[in-house]
Every structure is written in C-alpha cells, then in structure tokens.
Amino acid sequence: MNLHKDYNYVQLKLTILMTFVPNKFILLAIILCAFSAFGQSDYYWVGGTGNWSNYSSHWATSSGGNIFHTTTPSSNDNAIFDSNSFNAENQTINLNVDNVSVGDITWNGVTHNPKFNMSSRAVIIYGSVKFDPFMTIQSPGTLKFTSSSTATLISGGLPLGTIEVEK
C-alpha cells in the first residue's frame, strides 16, 4: 500500500466533494468520523511459540494468515490470540520488551494450553483484556489500564499479577 499515493487520492476526492456538496460542515463531520478509526488494526498471533517483538513471523493481518504486519501492535491496535494461534501443546509467547502498549488484548478460543510469559514486565492497555481459561500466564507482570473510557478485564480465572488503573 502506498500511503502517500492513497492520501493524495483521498485528498483529491475530498476537494471534489467539498466543491459540490452544499453543506460542507456535515460532510466534514462524516469524513472525520470515518477516519477516526484509521490506523487501528487487528493483529493476530500465528505460528506458536515466539517473542512478542517478532512481528515478521507472528503478527498476521488475519486469523491463521500469512501476511504480516510491519510492526508490533501499538496503543490503537488489537492483539488477538485464537484457535489459529497455536498448533502444539504448551507453546509460549514471551513478552520480551518493556512497556508494550496495546488497545485490546483478546485470548479467545485458544487451543493446546498456550502460555503467556509476561517475564514480570508491564503491558499498557488502552482498551480491554480478555484471557481464556485454557491458557496459562507465566511470571505475571503488570497490566496498566490507561484510558478515559470504560474498560473490561476478564481474567479467565488466571493469576494476573499487578493491575494498575490510570485515569
């Protein structure tokens, strides 16, 4: 995707629309709402055991996919672990970087009893967290909830370590 080229195309279309639409304020409000989610992506873990930072072989653009993101998830993104994330028993995700930021973390429908080794590190959450009861958290760290909106924490009955809430 050529972001610069796509941006110019959007800018051109916006200019044309603003020229021909009588109520420009309404059009501008609709466009701003449409772009408010721009930049938010779903990151699906694939490939079993690995380090959080290894985006080129673990953070796919779709469940079970083989097209990968070019970065790890950030504060606007959703980190998703599902039935296509693990293909053998007890595979482990190692949180190998400090102060990871993410929008939502969702562990849902995972198979093979995966492990999330937090290595006593912090994860800064800008959304919600859902852990699956069929997983294990090793070396729990800190979940830092940082948001002005409502967030949900579903522990799945797992030991979570430290939970911090910042408003």
Foldseek 3Di string as FASTA:
>chain_A
DPVVVVVVVVVVVLVVCCVPDPPNVVVVVVVCVVCPLPPEAEWEFADFADEQFPQQQTTARDQLDNHTDPGGAAQRYEYEYACRRHDEAAGEYEHPDAAGHHAEYEYPHHDRAYEYEDVQHEYEYAAEYADALSYAYHNAHEYEYEYPDDHYYHPSPYDHYHYHYDD
